[in-house]
Each structure stands twice: as C-alpha cells, then as structure tokens.
Amino acid sequence: RNPATIADNVGDNVGDVAGMGADLFESFVGSIIASASLASDPVLLALPFFLASAGVVASLIGFFFVSTKEDASQTELLHALHRGTNVATFLALLFNLGIICLLMGGRIEDGMRVWGCTILGLIAG
C-alpha cells in the first residue's frame, strides 16, 4: 500500500464528513430562520430559536446515555444508540412543552398546535 494513496483516502473521507456536517448545519439553521421569518409577533419570532436550543441540549444529554461494554455485539450497540435517541427525544418533548407553556401561556391552544408539530417532526424524523 502506497502511503500517499492512504493519505489521499483519509483526506477524502475527512472532506466528505466535513461536507455532510456543513450540509446538516445549513439545513438546521435554514429551518430555524424560515420558521422565524413567518412570525407575526416577537414571541413567535423567538420560539424557533428556543425550541432548536432545547433540541440541542436534549441531544447533548442523550449522548451520555449511549454506552456499552467493551466487547459488545452489534445488537447491544444498536440498543445503546436507540437508548440515547429515545432519551433525547423524550427530553426534547418535555423541554419544548415547557418552553411553549412559558412563552405562549396566553395562547395555549396555539402552543399545543406547535407542540403537536414538534411531536410529528420527532416521529417522522
């Protein structure tokens, strides 16, 4: 094996991963800004930013629930990943409900519609 070829392959892989990360970030920010641009008042303008932040915090907490023993089987690895995803999803739902109740207390019916959309997004997701 030629060391230059190996280095080239590693560089290509790093570039691909960085590109995918940039695409995900662009989609994430684009959806937040698109939602905020439809807002008709300051509360609805702030809501997408708070909900996205809650999702990031929930994901960070869910990260700590992904663990296995050293010689885990593929099934155990998948269960660990599912556990982290499920914890993050549940926490995101709770955090979003709290944020919606705080920000939209006077318009709770509209807030529950927004929360329903977050539930559908997490199920589809």
N, C-alpha and C. Protein backbone atom coordinates (compact mmCIF):
# COMPACT_ATOMS: atom_id res chain seq x y z
N ARG A 1 0.84 -1.19 0.00
CA ARG A 1 0.00 0.00 0.00
C ARG A 1 0.88 1.24 0.00
N ASN A 2 0.53 2.13 -0.85
CA ASN A 2 1.26 3.38 -1.01
C ASN A 2 0.80 4.37 0.07
N PRO A 3 1.71 4.93 0.88
CA PRO A 3 1.32 5.89 1.92
C PRO A 3 0.61 7.12 1.36
N ALA A 4 0.99 7.55 0.18
CA ALA A 4 0.32 8.72 -0.41
C ALA A 4 -1.13 8.41 -0.74
N THR A 5 -1.39 7.21 -1.20
CA THR A 5 -2.77 6.81 -1.51
C THR A 5 -3.60 6.74 -0.24
N ILE A 6 -3.02 6.19 0.82
CA ILE A 6 -3.72 6.12 2.10
C ILE A 6 -4.03 7.53 2.61
N ALA A 7 -3.06 8.42 2.55
CA ALA A 7 -3.27 9.80 3.00
C ALA A 7 -4.34 10.48 2.16
N ASP A 8 -4.34 10.22 0.86
CA ASP A 8 -5.36 10.81 -0.02
C ASP A 8 -6.75 10.31 0.36
N ASN A 9 -6.87 9.01 0.64
CA ASN A 9 -8.16 8.44 1.03
C ASN A 9 -8.64 9.02 2.36
N VAL A 10 -7.72 9.18 3.30
CA VAL A 10 -8.07 9.77 4.59
C VAL A 10 -8.56 11.21 4.39
N GLY A 11 -7.84 11.96 3.57
CA GLY A 11 -8.24 13.34 3.30
C GLY A 11 -9.60 13.43 2.63
N ASP A 12 -9.87 12.51 1.70
CA ASP A 12 -11.18 12.49 1.06
C ASP A 12 -12.29 12.20 2.07
N ASN A 13 -12.02 11.26 2.98
CA ASN A 13 -13.01 10.90 4.00
C ASN A 13 -13.27 12.09 4.92
N VAL A 14 -12.23 12.77 5.35
CA VAL A 14 -12.39 13.93 6.22
C VAL A 14 -13.20 15.02 5.51
N GLY A 15 -12.90 15.23 4.24
CA GLY A 15 -13.65 16.22 3.48
C GLY A 15 -15.11 15.86 3.33
N ASP A 16 -15.39 14.58 3.11
CA ASP A 16 -16.78 14.13 2.99
C ASP A 16 -17.54 14.33 4.29
N VAL A 17 -16.91 13.98 5.41
CA VAL A 17 -17.56 14.15 6.71
C VAL A 17 -17.80 15.62 7.01
N ALA A 18 -16.81 16.46 6.74
CA ALA A 18 -16.97 17.89 6.96
C ALA A 18 -18.08 18.46 6.08
N GLY A 19 -18.15 17.99 4.84
CA GLY A 19 -19.20 18.46 3.95
C GLY A 19 -20.58 18.06 4.42
N MET A 20 -20.72 16.82 4.92
CA MET A 20 -22.01 16.39 5.44
C MET A 20 -22.40 17.20 6.67
N GLY A 21 -21.42 17.48 7.53
CA GLY A 21 -21.70 18.30 8.71
C GLY A 21 -22.15 19.70 8.32
N ALA A 22 -21.51 20.27 7.31
CA ALA A 22 -21.89 21.61 6.85
C ALA A 22 -23.30 21.59 6.26
N ASP A 23 -23.64 20.54 5.53
CA ASP A 23 -24.98 20.42 4.96
C ASP A 23 -26.04 20.31 6.05
N LEU A 24 -25.75 19.51 7.08
CA LEU A 24 -26.69 19.38 8.19
C LEU A 24 -26.87 20.70 8.92
N PHE A 25 -25.76 21.40 9.15
CA PHE A 25 -25.84 22.69 9.84
C PHE A 25 -26.65 23.68 9.02
N GLU A 26 -26.42 23.70 7.71
CA GLU A 26 -27.16 24.62 6.85
C GLU A 26 -28.66 24.32 6.89
N SER A 27 -29.03 23.05 6.85
CA SER A 27 -30.44 22.68 6.92
C SER A 27 -31.05 23.07 8.26
N PHE A 28 -30.30 22.85 9.34
CA PHE A 28 -30.77 23.17 10.68
C PHE A 28 -31.02 24.67 10.82
N VAL A 29 -30.04 25.48 10.42
CA VAL A 29 -30.18 26.93 10.53
C VAL A 29 -31.23 27.44 9.56
N GLY A 30 -31.28 26.86 8.36
CA GLY A 30 -32.28 27.28 7.38
C GLY A 30 -33.70 27.06 7.88
N SER A 31 -33.94 25.94 8.54
CA SER A 31 -35.29 25.68 9.05
C SER A 31 -35.65 26.63 10.20
N ILE A 32 -34.67 26.97 11.02
CA ILE A 32 -34.93 27.92 12.11
C ILE A 32 -35.27 29.29 11.54
N ILE A 33 -34.48 29.76 10.60
CA ILE A 33 -34.70 31.09 10.02
C ILE A 33 -35.99 31.13 9.21
N ALA A 34 -36.30 30.06 8.49
CA ALA A 34 -37.56 30.01 7.74
C ALA A 34 -38.76 30.09 8.68
N SER A 35 -38.69 29.38 9.80
CA SER A 35 -39.78 29.43 10.77
C SER A 35 -39.90 30.81 11.39
N ALA A 36 -38.77 31.41 11.73
CA ALA A 36 -38.79 32.73 12.35
C ALA A 36 -39.29 33.79 11.37
N SER A 37 -39.01 33.63 10.09
CA SER A 37 -39.44 34.64 9.12
C SER A 37 -40.96 34.65 8.93
N LEU A 38 -41.63 33.59 9.33
CA LEU A 38 -43.09 33.54 9.24
C LEU A 38 -43.77 34.13 10.47
N ALA A 39 -42.99 34.54 11.46
CA ALA A 39 -43.55 35.01 12.73
C ALA A 39 -44.27 36.33 12.55
N SER A 40 -45.36 36.48 13.32
CA SER A 40 -46.13 37.71 13.28
C SER A 40 -45.99 38.55 14.54
N ASP A 41 -45.31 38.02 15.55
CA ASP A 41 -45.06 38.79 16.78
C ASP A 41 -43.75 38.31 17.41
N PRO A 42 -43.24 39.03 18.40
CA PRO A 42 -41.93 38.69 18.99
C PRO A 42 -41.87 37.30 19.63
N VAL A 43 -42.96 36.84 20.20
CA VAL A 43 -42.96 35.52 20.83
C VAL A 43 -42.77 34.43 19.78
N LEU A 44 -43.51 34.56 18.69
CA LEU A 44 -43.39 33.56 17.62
C LEU A 44 -42.05 33.68 16.91
N LEU A 45 -41.46 34.85 16.92
CA LEU A 45 -40.12 35.03 16.35
C LEU A 45 -39.07 34.28 17.18
N ALA A 46 -39.20 34.35 18.49
CA ALA A 46 -38.22 33.72 19.39
C ALA A 46 -38.42 32.21 19.52
N LEU A 47 -39.64 31.74 19.31
CA LEU A 47 -39.96 30.34 19.55
C LEU A 47 -39.08 29.35 18.79
N PRO A 48 -38.83 29.51 17.49
CA PRO A 48 -37.98 28.53 16.79
C PRO A 48 -36.56 28.45 17.37
N PHE A 49 -36.03 29.58 17.82
CA PHE A 49 -34.68 29.59 18.39
C PHE A 49 -34.64 28.84 19.72
N PHE A 50 -35.66 29.05 20.55
CA PHE A 50 -35.72 28.36 21.84
C PHE A 50 -35.94 26.86 21.66
N LEU A 51 -36.83 26.50 20.73
CA LEU A 51 -37.12 25.08 20.51
C LEU A 51 -35.90 24.36 19.95
N ALA A 52 -35.19 25.01 19.04
CA ALA A 52 -33.97 24.39 18.48
C ALA A 52 -32.90 24.25 19.57
N SER A 53 -32.78 25.24 20.42
CA SER A 53 -31.81 25.17 21.52
C SER A 53 -32.15 24.04 22.47
N ALA A 54 -33.44 23.86 22.75
CA ALA A 54 -33.86 22.76 23.62
C ALA A 54 -33.51 21.42 22.99
N GLY A 55 -33.65 21.31 21.67
CA GLY A 55 -33.28 20.08 20.98
C GLY A 55 -31.79 19.79 21.07
N VAL A 56 -30.98 20.83 20.98
CA VAL A 56 -29.53 20.65 21.09
C VAL A 56 -29.17 20.17 22.50
N VAL A 57 -29.77 20.80 23.51
CA VAL A 57 -29.49 20.40 24.90
C VAL A 57 -29.96 18.96 25.14
N ALA A 58 -31.14 18.61 24.63
CA ALA A 58 -31.64 17.24 24.79
C ALA A 58 -30.70 16.24 24.11
N SER A 59 -30.17 16.60 22.94
CA SER A 59 -29.23 15.71 22.25
C SER A 59 -27.94 15.53 23.04
N LEU A 60 -27.47 16.61 23.63
CA LEU A 60 -26.25 16.51 24.44
C LEU A 60 -26.45 15.61 25.65
N ILE A 61 -27.61 15.70 26.27
CA ILE A 61 -27.91 14.83 27.41
C ILE A 61 -28.05 13.38 26.93
N GLY A 62 -28.75 13.18 25.81
CA GLY A 62 -28.93 11.84 25.26
C GLY A 62 -27.62 11.17 24.91
N PHE A 63 -26.63 11.96 24.54
CA PHE A 63 -25.30 11.44 24.22
C PHE A 63 -24.73 10.62 25.38
N PHE A 64 -24.96 11.05 26.61
CA PHE A 64 -24.40 10.38 27.78
C PHE A 64 -25.10 9.07 28.12
N PHE A 65 -26.21 8.78 27.44
CA PHE A 65 -26.92 7.52 27.66
C PHE A 65 -26.49 6.44 26.66
N VAL A 66 -25.56 6.77 25.78
CA VAL A 66 -25.06 5.81 24.80
C VAL A 66 -23.77 5.22 25.34
N SER A 67 -23.86 4.00 25.87
CA SER A 67 -22.67 3.31 26.37
C SER A 67 -22.91 1.81 26.35
N THR A 68 -21.83 1.08 26.14
CA THR A 68 -21.88 -0.38 26.15
C THR A 68 -20.60 -0.89 26.80
N LYS A 69 -20.56 -2.20 26.99
CA LYS A 69 -19.32 -2.80 27.48
C LYS A 69 -18.32 -2.88 26.33
N GLU A 70 -17.12 -3.23 26.63
CA GLU A 70 -16.02 -3.20 25.65
C GLU A 70 -16.25 -4.12 24.46
N ASP A 71 -16.69 -5.35 24.69
CA ASP A 71 -16.84 -6.31 23.59
C ASP A 71 -18.32 -6.52 23.26
N ALA A 72 -19.04 -5.44 23.03
CA ALA A 72 -20.48 -5.50 22.79
C ALA A 72 -20.77 -6.05 21.39
N SER A 73 -21.89 -6.74 21.30
CA SER A 73 -22.33 -7.24 19.99
C SER A 73 -23.02 -6.10 19.23
N GLN A 74 -23.30 -6.34 17.98
CA GLN A 74 -23.95 -5.31 17.18
C GLN A 74 -25.34 -4.99 17.73
N THR A 75 -26.04 -5.98 18.22
CA THR A 75 -27.36 -5.76 18.82
C THR A 75 -27.27 -4.85 20.04
N GLU A 76 -26.27 -5.10 20.87
CA GLU A 76 -26.09 -4.25 22.06
C GLU A 76 -25.70 -2.83 21.66
N LEU A 77 -24.91 -2.70 20.63
CA LEU A 77 -24.55 -1.36 20.15
C LEU A 77 -25.77 -0.61 19.64
N LEU A 78 -26.61 -1.30 18.88
CA LEU A 78 -27.82 -0.67 18.37
C LEU A 78 -28.77 -0.29 19.50
N HIS A 79 -28.88 -1.14 20.52
CA HIS A 79 -29.73 -0.81 21.67
C HIS A 79 -29.20 0.43 22.39
N ALA A 80 -27.90 0.56 22.49
CA ALA A 80 -27.32 1.74 23.14
C ALA A 80 -27.64 3.01 22.34
N LEU A 81 -27.52 2.92 21.02
CA LEU A 81 -27.85 4.08 20.19
C LEU A 81 -29.34 4.43 20.28
N HIS A 82 -30.18 3.41 20.29
CA HIS A 82 -31.63 3.66 20.43
C HIS A 82 -31.95 4.29 21.78
N ARG A 83 -31.26 3.84 22.82
CA ARG A 83 -31.49 4.40 24.15
C ARG A 83 -31.16 5.89 24.16
N GLY A 84 -30.03 6.27 23.59
CA GLY A 84 -29.66 7.68 23.53
C GLY A 84 -30.64 8.50 22.72
N THR A 85 -31.08 7.95 21.59
CA THR A 85 -32.05 8.65 20.74
C THR A 85 -33.39 8.81 21.45
N ASN A 86 -33.84 7.75 22.11
CA ASN A 86 -35.13 7.81 22.81
C ASN A 86 -35.09 8.79 23.98
N VAL A 87 -34.00 8.80 24.73
CA VAL A 87 -33.86 9.75 25.83
C VAL A 87 -33.87 11.18 25.30
N ALA A 88 -33.12 11.43 24.23
CA ALA A 88 -33.08 12.78 23.65
C ALA A 88 -34.45 13.20 23.13
N THR A 89 -35.17 12.28 22.52
CA THR A 89 -36.50 12.59 22.00
C THR A 89 -37.46 12.94 23.13
N PHE A 90 -37.47 12.13 24.17
CA PHE A 90 -38.35 12.38 25.31
C PHE A 90 -38.01 13.72 25.98
N LEU A 91 -36.72 13.97 26.18
CA LEU A 91 -36.32 15.25 26.79
C LEU A 91 -36.68 16.44 25.90
N ALA A 92 -36.50 16.30 24.60
CA ALA A 92 -36.86 17.39 23.68
C ALA A 92 -38.36 17.68 23.78
N LEU A 93 -39.18 16.65 23.87
CA LEU A 93 -40.62 16.86 24.02
C LEU A 93 -40.94 17.60 25.31
N LEU A 94 -40.30 17.18 26.40
CA LEU A 94 -40.55 17.85 27.68
C LEU A 94 -40.06 19.30 27.67
N PHE A 95 -38.84 19.51 27.17
CA PHE A 95 -38.29 20.86 27.11
C PHE A 95 -39.15 21.76 26.22
N ASN A 96 -39.58 21.23 25.08
CA ASN A 96 -40.40 22.02 24.17
C ASN A 96 -41.75 22.37 24.80
N LEU A 97 -42.33 21.42 25.50
CA LEU A 97 -43.60 21.70 26.18
C LEU A 97 -43.41 22.81 27.21
N GLY A 98 -42.34 22.75 27.99
CA GLY A 98 -42.08 23.80 28.98
C GLY A 98 -41.87 25.15 28.34
N ILE A 99 -41.10 25.20 27.26
CA ILE A 99 -40.84 26.47 26.57
C ILE A 99 -42.13 27.02 25.98
N ILE A 100 -42.92 26.17 25.37
CA ILE A 100 -44.18 26.62 24.77
C ILE A 100 -45.13 27.14 25.83
N CYS A 101 -45.22 26.45 26.96
CA CYS A 101 -46.10 26.91 28.04
C CYS A 101 -45.62 28.25 28.61
N LEU A 102 -44.32 28.43 28.72
CA LEU A 102 -43.79 29.70 29.24
C LEU A 102 -44.00 30.85 28.26
N LEU A 103 -43.70 30.61 27.00
CA LEU A 103 -43.78 31.69 26.03
C LEU A 103 -45.20 31.96 25.54
N MET A 104 -46.00 30.94 25.46
CA MET A 104 -47.33 31.09 24.88
C MET A 104 -48.43 30.79 25.89
N GLY A 105 -48.22 31.16 27.14
CA GLY A 105 -49.19 30.88 28.19
C GLY A 105 -50.56 31.45 27.91
N GLY A 106 -50.62 32.64 27.31
CA GLY A 106 -51.91 33.26 27.00
C GLY A 106 -52.58 32.66 25.79
N ARG A 107 -51.82 31.97 24.97
CA ARG A 107 -52.36 31.35 23.75
C ARG A 107 -52.02 29.86 23.75
N ILE A 108 -52.47 29.19 24.79
CA ILE A 108 -52.07 27.80 24.99
C ILE A 108 -52.58 26.88 23.88
N GLU A 109 -53.74 27.21 23.30
CA GLU A 109 -54.25 26.37 22.21
C GLU A 109 -53.31 26.42 21.00
N ASP A 110 -52.84 27.61 20.67
CA ASP A 110 -51.85 27.73 19.59
C ASP A 110 -50.55 27.03 19.97
N GLY A 111 -50.17 27.15 21.24
CA GLY A 111 -48.96 26.49 21.71
C GLY A 111 -49.04 24.97 21.59
N MET A 112 -50.20 24.41 21.88
CA MET A 112 -50.36 22.96 21.76
C MET A 112 -50.30 22.52 20.30
N ARG A 113 -50.74 23.40 19.41
CA ARG A 113 -50.61 23.08 17.97
C ARG A 113 -49.14 23.03 17.58
N VAL A 114 -48.37 23.98 18.09
CA VAL A 114 -46.93 23.99 17.81
C VAL A 114 -46.29 22.73 18.40
N TRP A 115 -46.68 22.39 19.61
CA TRP A 115 -46.12 21.19 20.25
C TRP A 115 -46.50 19.94 19.47
N GLY A 116 -47.72 19.90 18.96
CA GLY A 116 -48.13 18.77 18.11
C GLY A 116 -47.25 18.66 16.87
N CYS A 117 -46.88 19.80 16.31
CA CYS A 117 -45.98 19.78 15.15
C CYS A 117 -44.60 19.24 15.53
N THR A 118 -44.12 19.57 16.73
CA THR A 118 -42.82 19.04 17.15
C THR A 118 -42.91 17.53 17.37
N ILE A 119 -44.03 17.07 17.89
CA ILE A 119 -44.22 15.63 18.06
C ILE A 119 -44.18 14.93 16.71
N LEU A 120 -44.91 15.47 15.74
CA LEU A 120 -44.92 14.87 14.40
C LEU A 120 -43.53 14.90 13.78
N GLY A 121 -42.81 16.00 13.98
CA GLY A 121 -41.46 16.09 13.45
C GLY A 121 -40.51 15.07 14.06
N LEU A 122 -40.64 14.83 15.36
CA LEU A 122 -39.79 13.85 16.01
C LEU A 122 -40.16 12.42 15.58
N ILE A 123 -41.44 12.18 15.36
CA ILE A 123 -41.85 10.85 14.90
C ILE A 123 -41.35 10.61 13.47
N ALA A 124 -41.47 11.63 12.63
CA ALA A 124 -41.07 11.49 11.23
C ALA A 124 -39.56 11.45 11.07
N GLY A 125 -38.86 12.06 11.99
CA GLY A 125 -37.58 12.23 11.93
C GLY A 125 -36.26 12.02 11.86
